[in-house]
Protein backbone atom coordinates (compact mmCIF):
# COMPACT_ATOMS: atom_id res chain seq x y z
CA PRO A 1 97.33 93.45 68.31
CA ASP A 2 95.48 96.27 66.63
CA LYS A 3 92.34 94.28 67.12
CA VAL A 4 92.89 93.95 71.16
CA ASP A 5 90.93 96.52 72.93
CA MET A 6 89.78 95.02 76.15
CA VAL A 7 89.30 96.27 79.89
CA ILE A 8 89.70 93.79 82.49
CA PHE A 9 87.60 93.79 85.68
CA ARG A 10 89.41 91.01 87.95
CA GLU A 11 88.14 90.57 91.39
CA ASN A 12 90.96 91.31 93.70
CA THR A 13 90.11 90.24 97.23
CA GLU A 14 88.74 86.62 96.94
CA ASP A 15 89.37 83.14 95.24
CA VAL A 16 92.65 81.22 95.73
CA TYR A 17 94.49 84.57 96.23
CA ALA A 18 92.86 84.97 99.44
CA GLY A 19 95.66 83.02 101.04
CA LYS A 20 93.66 80.51 103.13
CA GLU A 21 96.14 77.96 102.89
CA LEU A 22 97.53 75.04 105.14
CA GLN A 23 101.02 73.41 104.60
CA GLU A 24 101.14 69.81 104.21
CA GLY A 25 102.26 67.87 107.29
CA THR A 26 101.12 70.46 109.93
CA ASP A 27 99.00 69.83 112.51
CA GLU A 28 96.25 72.38 111.13
CA ALA A 29 96.24 70.45 107.81
CA LYS A 30 96.04 67.13 109.49
CA ARG A 31 93.06 68.56 111.46
CA LEU A 32 91.08 69.61 108.55
CA LEU A 33 91.83 66.63 106.46
CA GLU A 34 90.14 64.65 109.52
CA PHE A 35 87.48 67.00 109.38
CA LEU A 36 86.75 66.84 105.81
CA ARG A 37 87.02 62.96 105.90
CA ASP A 38 84.74 62.58 108.99
CA SER A 39 82.08 65.20 108.05
CA TYR A 40 81.96 64.79 104.26
CA GLY A 41 83.50 61.83 103.36
CA TRP A 42 86.08 63.45 101.36
CA ASP A 43 89.09 60.98 100.73
CA ILE A 44 92.20 63.37 100.22
CA ARG A 45 95.73 62.17 100.39
CA PRO A 46 97.35 62.73 103.79
CA ASP A 47 100.55 64.22 102.31
CA SER A 48 98.55 67.34 100.82
CA GLY A 49 98.62 70.80 100.95
CA LEU A 50 95.21 72.62 101.50
CA GLY A 51 93.70 75.89 100.18
CA ILE A 52 90.31 77.31 100.31
CA LYS A 53 88.74 79.19 97.30
CA PRO A 54 86.41 81.67 98.70
CA MET A 55 83.88 83.56 96.34
CA SER A 56 81.21 85.35 97.49
CA ALA A 57 78.09 86.84 96.03
CA THR A 58 78.99 90.19 97.66
CA GLY A 59 82.42 90.43 95.96
CA SER A 60 81.43 88.86 92.53
CA LYS A 61 78.30 91.04 92.16
CA ARG A 62 80.48 94.21 93.17
CA LEU A 63 83.15 93.40 90.59
CA ILE A 64 80.34 92.60 87.80
CA ARG A 65 78.39 95.82 88.79
CA ALA A 66 81.45 97.88 88.35
CA ALA A 67 82.25 96.28 84.85
CA ILE A 68 78.75 96.66 83.75
CA ASN A 69 78.74 100.34 84.75
CA PHE A 70 81.89 101.08 83.03
CA ALA A 71 80.67 99.35 79.83
CA LEU A 72 77.70 101.49 79.71
CA GLU A 73 79.48 104.82 80.69
CA ASN A 74 82.19 104.18 77.78
CA HIS A 75 79.67 102.89 75.24
CA ARG A 76 81.14 99.18 75.05
CA ARG A 77 79.32 96.82 73.19
CA ASN A 78 79.48 93.86 75.63
CA VAL A 79 80.64 92.30 79.02
CA ALA A 80 82.05 88.64 79.10
CA LEU A 81 81.71 86.91 82.68
CA VAL A 82 84.77 84.65 82.33
CA HIS A 83 84.83 81.66 84.73
CA LYS A 84 85.54 77.93 85.20
CA GLY A 85 81.92 76.95 86.33
CA ASN A 86 81.56 73.63 84.04
CA ILE A 87 84.09 72.21 86.63
CA MET A 88 83.95 74.45 90.04
CA LYS A 89 80.17 74.75 89.94
CA PHE A 90 79.65 76.34 93.25
CA THR A 91 82.58 78.79 93.25
CA GLU A 92 83.08 79.86 89.47
CA GLY A 93 79.87 78.67 88.44
CA ALA A 94 78.34 80.67 91.21
CA PHE A 95 80.19 83.83 89.71
CA ARG A 96 78.34 83.34 86.45
CA SER A 97 75.02 82.73 87.97
CA TRP A 98 75.42 86.10 90.24
CA GLY A 99 76.24 87.91 87.27
CA TYR A 100 73.18 87.08 85.45
CA GLU A 101 70.95 87.74 88.32
CA LEU A 102 72.74 90.99 88.75
CA VAL A 103 71.71 91.82 85.05
CA ARG A 104 68.10 90.84 85.75
CA GLU A 105 67.91 92.81 89.20
CA GLU A 106 69.74 96.22 88.28
CA PHE A 107 70.32 96.63 84.82
CA SER A 108 67.24 94.96 82.77
CA GLY A 109 66.41 98.13 80.95
CA VAL A 110 69.96 98.76 79.70
CA ALA A 111 71.76 95.20 79.65
CA VAL A 112 70.28 91.57 78.52
CA SER A 113 72.01 88.23 78.89
CA TRP A 114 72.87 86.05 75.76
CA GLN A 115 70.33 83.54 76.84
CA ASP A 116 67.61 86.16 76.93
CA CYS A 117 68.34 87.68 73.40
CA GLY A 118 69.74 85.03 71.31
CA GLY A 119 73.07 87.05 70.97
CA ASP A 120 71.11 90.02 69.24
CA PRO A 121 70.94 92.63 72.35
CA GLY A 122 69.58 95.55 70.14
CA ASP A 123 70.31 98.72 71.77
CA LYS A 124 71.05 97.22 74.94
CA LEU A 125 74.46 96.02 76.38
CA LEU A 126 75.26 92.43 75.72
CA VAL A 127 76.39 90.21 78.96
CA GLN A 128 77.50 86.74 77.88
CA ASP A 129 79.78 84.00 79.85
CA VAL A 130 82.68 82.18 78.28
CA ILE A 131 84.71 79.15 80.05
CA ALA A 132 88.01 80.58 80.98
CA ASP A 133 90.09 78.01 78.87
CA ALA A 134 88.03 78.67 75.79
CA MET A 135 88.58 82.56 76.53
CA LEU A 136 92.32 82.30 76.27
CA GLN A 137 91.77 81.04 72.60
CA GLN A 138 89.19 83.57 71.87
CA ILE A 139 91.47 86.62 72.76
CA LEU A 140 93.89 85.06 70.30
CA THR A 141 91.52 84.11 67.35
CA ARG A 142 88.81 86.59 67.79
CA PRO A 143 89.87 89.52 69.96
CA ASP A 144 87.63 92.31 68.43
CA GLU A 145 84.59 90.46 69.64
CA TYR A 146 85.31 91.10 73.03
CA ASP A 147 85.22 94.64 75.19
CA VAL A 148 84.90 94.24 78.92
CA ILE A 149 85.96 91.12 80.60
CA ALA A 150 84.49 90.52 84.24
CA THR A 151 86.33 87.63 85.96
CA SER A 152 87.77 86.03 89.01
CA ASN A 153 91.03 86.57 90.68
CA LEU A 154 93.17 83.80 89.16
CA ASN A 155 91.39 83.78 85.73
CA GLY A 156 91.87 87.58 85.67
CA ASP A 157 95.68 87.12 86.42
CA TYR A 158 95.92 84.85 83.60
CA ILE A 159 94.10 86.47 80.94
CA SER A 160 95.51 90.08 81.69
CA ASP A 161 99.12 88.88 81.08
CA ALA A 162 98.18 86.74 77.90
CA LEU A 163 96.24 90.03 76.67
CA ALA A 164 99.46 92.28 77.51
CA ALA A 165 101.57 89.80 75.56
CA GLN A 166 99.47 90.58 72.38
CA VAL A 167 100.29 94.21 72.49
CA GLY A 168 104.02 93.92 73.49
CA GLY A 169 104.21 92.67 77.28
CA ILE A 170 103.62 93.66 80.59
CA GLY A 171 105.60 96.54 80.30
CA ILE A 172 102.83 98.56 78.61
CA ALA A 173 99.91 97.00 80.84
CA PRO A 174 98.49 99.41 83.33
CA GLY A 175 96.42 98.37 86.44
CA GLY A 176 94.38 99.89 89.31
CA ASN A 177 92.76 98.62 92.20
CA ILE A 178 89.30 100.37 92.13
CA ASN A 179 86.47 100.31 94.83
CA TYR A 180 83.73 101.76 92.91
CA GLU A 181 81.47 102.10 96.02
CA SER A 182 83.99 103.70 98.51
CA GLY A 183 85.86 105.46 95.77
CA HIS A 184 89.07 104.58 97.20
CA SER A 185 91.65 103.45 94.34
CA ILE A 186 95.33 102.46 94.17
CA PHE A 187 96.81 102.58 90.60
CA GLU A 188 100.23 100.29 90.06
CA ALA A 189 102.07 98.71 87.09
CA THR A 190 101.07 95.04 86.62
CA HIS A 191 104.58 93.73 86.58
CA GLY A 192 104.90 94.27 90.30
CA THR A 193 108.36 95.66 91.67
CA ALA A 194 110.61 93.86 89.42
CA PRO A 195 113.84 94.12 91.77
CA LYS A 196 116.20 92.50 89.45
CA TYR A 197 115.87 95.78 87.42
CA ALA A 198 116.11 98.08 89.81
CA GLY A 199 118.77 100.70 89.27
CA GLN A 200 119.24 99.93 85.78
CA ASP A 201 117.23 102.49 83.77
CA LYS A 202 116.49 99.74 81.57
CA VAL A 203 112.78 98.84 81.66
CA ASN A 204 109.60 100.00 79.97
CA PRO A 205 107.97 102.65 82.05
CA GLY A 206 104.92 102.42 80.19
CA SER A 207 102.88 100.15 82.68
CA VAL A 208 103.53 102.75 85.35
CA ILE A 209 102.78 105.99 83.05
CA LEU A 210 99.55 104.31 82.00
CA SER A 211 98.62 103.39 85.44
CA GLY A 212 99.19 107.16 86.03
CA GLU A 213 96.78 108.19 83.03
CA MET A 214 94.36 105.93 84.51
CA MET A 215 94.79 107.56 87.64
CA LEU A 216 94.08 110.95 86.08
CA ARG A 217 90.93 109.63 84.51
CA ARG A 218 89.66 108.42 87.87
CA LEU A 219 90.27 111.87 89.10
CA GLY A 220 88.42 113.66 86.15
CA TRP A 221 91.63 114.98 84.79
CA ASP A 222 91.15 113.76 81.18
CA GLU A 223 92.89 116.53 79.42
CA SER A 224 96.07 115.65 81.54
CA ALA A 225 95.58 112.10 80.76
CA ASP A 226 95.20 112.77 77.01
CA LEU A 227 98.69 114.34 76.82
CA VAL A 228 100.01 111.24 78.36
CA ILE A 229 98.53 108.87 75.73
CA LYS A 230 99.64 111.46 72.85
CA GLY A 231 103.23 111.59 74.34
CA LEU A 232 103.54 107.81 74.75
CA GLU A 233 101.96 106.69 71.46
CA SER A 234 103.80 109.30 69.40
CA ALA A 235 107.04 108.00 71.06
CA ILE A 236 106.02 104.17 70.17
CA ALA A 237 105.14 105.20 66.60
CA GLY A 238 108.45 106.92 66.07
CA LYS A 239 110.12 103.57 67.29
CA VAL A 240 111.73 105.40 70.18
CA VAL A 241 111.26 102.35 72.71
CA THR A 242 112.88 100.58 75.56
CA TYR A 243 114.55 97.16 75.33
CA ASP A 244 111.43 94.91 75.28
CA PHE A 245 110.00 96.67 72.48
CA GLU A 246 113.39 97.29 70.36
CA ARG A 247 113.74 93.41 70.04
CA GLN A 248 110.39 93.06 68.28
CA MET A 249 110.22 96.25 66.04
CA GLU A 250 112.43 96.70 62.84
CA GLY A 251 114.42 99.81 62.77
CA ALA A 252 113.84 100.75 66.34
CA THR A 253 115.90 103.36 68.47
CA LEU A 254 116.81 101.83 71.87
CA VAL A 255 116.53 104.10 74.70
CA LYS A 256 116.85 103.74 78.41
CA THR A 257 113.84 104.26 80.90
CA SER A 258 114.60 108.01 81.43
CA GLU A 259 115.30 108.53 77.94
CA PHE A 260 111.88 107.18 76.80
CA ALA A 261 110.11 109.48 79.40
CA ASP A 262 112.12 112.36 77.81
CA ALA A 263 110.74 111.44 74.36
CA MET A 264 107.35 111.22 75.41
CA ILE A 265 107.76 114.82 77.09
CA GLU A 266 108.92 115.95 73.81
CA ARG A 267 105.98 114.99 71.95
CA MET A 268 103.25 115.89 74.33
């Protein structure tokens, strides 16, 4: 886990998460099936649910641009475009192509693709692409080779949770929904609301706290963000942790959510 230091940029408005679905057996689904059969000759089973996977050049380039700018500003070594374009050529494959197109059009002076440099970028940022299922292996076996990941919505969901598991679980994984063009941002825990734990004073608050730390940095309040990191790191290093970490650490002290927050504050 000490080799895992990656930042994931996950497109958050498109892909199969766009919610463009039709339930099996509905009139709408039947009409679409008929249209696809008559217009394209697609033979899809009549008892199928249907979904649309929209991926645009606009959304993809916006996401990849943000990832590259972040990597440059934070002195990262590389950006990996993660996709399943070997199968979905006109959506995920296009994501890859749009990424390389963006590098050539907007970042040619500071970034270079793997194809154009043979893996030796010199003093430029390296932009490469990795097939999604291979990436799930790479982050387990060679995590220190990757810095920033730019990927589509569904792939980003899988990869972010897999990486979180390597550093203790989603209880410690922060997230932010950031529009780098408008400046609007929302920061939230990656694990969602977790209603089954409501009111129990039990869960790890790390994801919420670190999401707040991301917000502070976004606002330019780095000194405050540094204090948050100091308190959290010191508490975990002292093995004062909530149940999800306690079961993974020998000799740890189990504390409640509120008690972990107190332990952090004491160590700031």
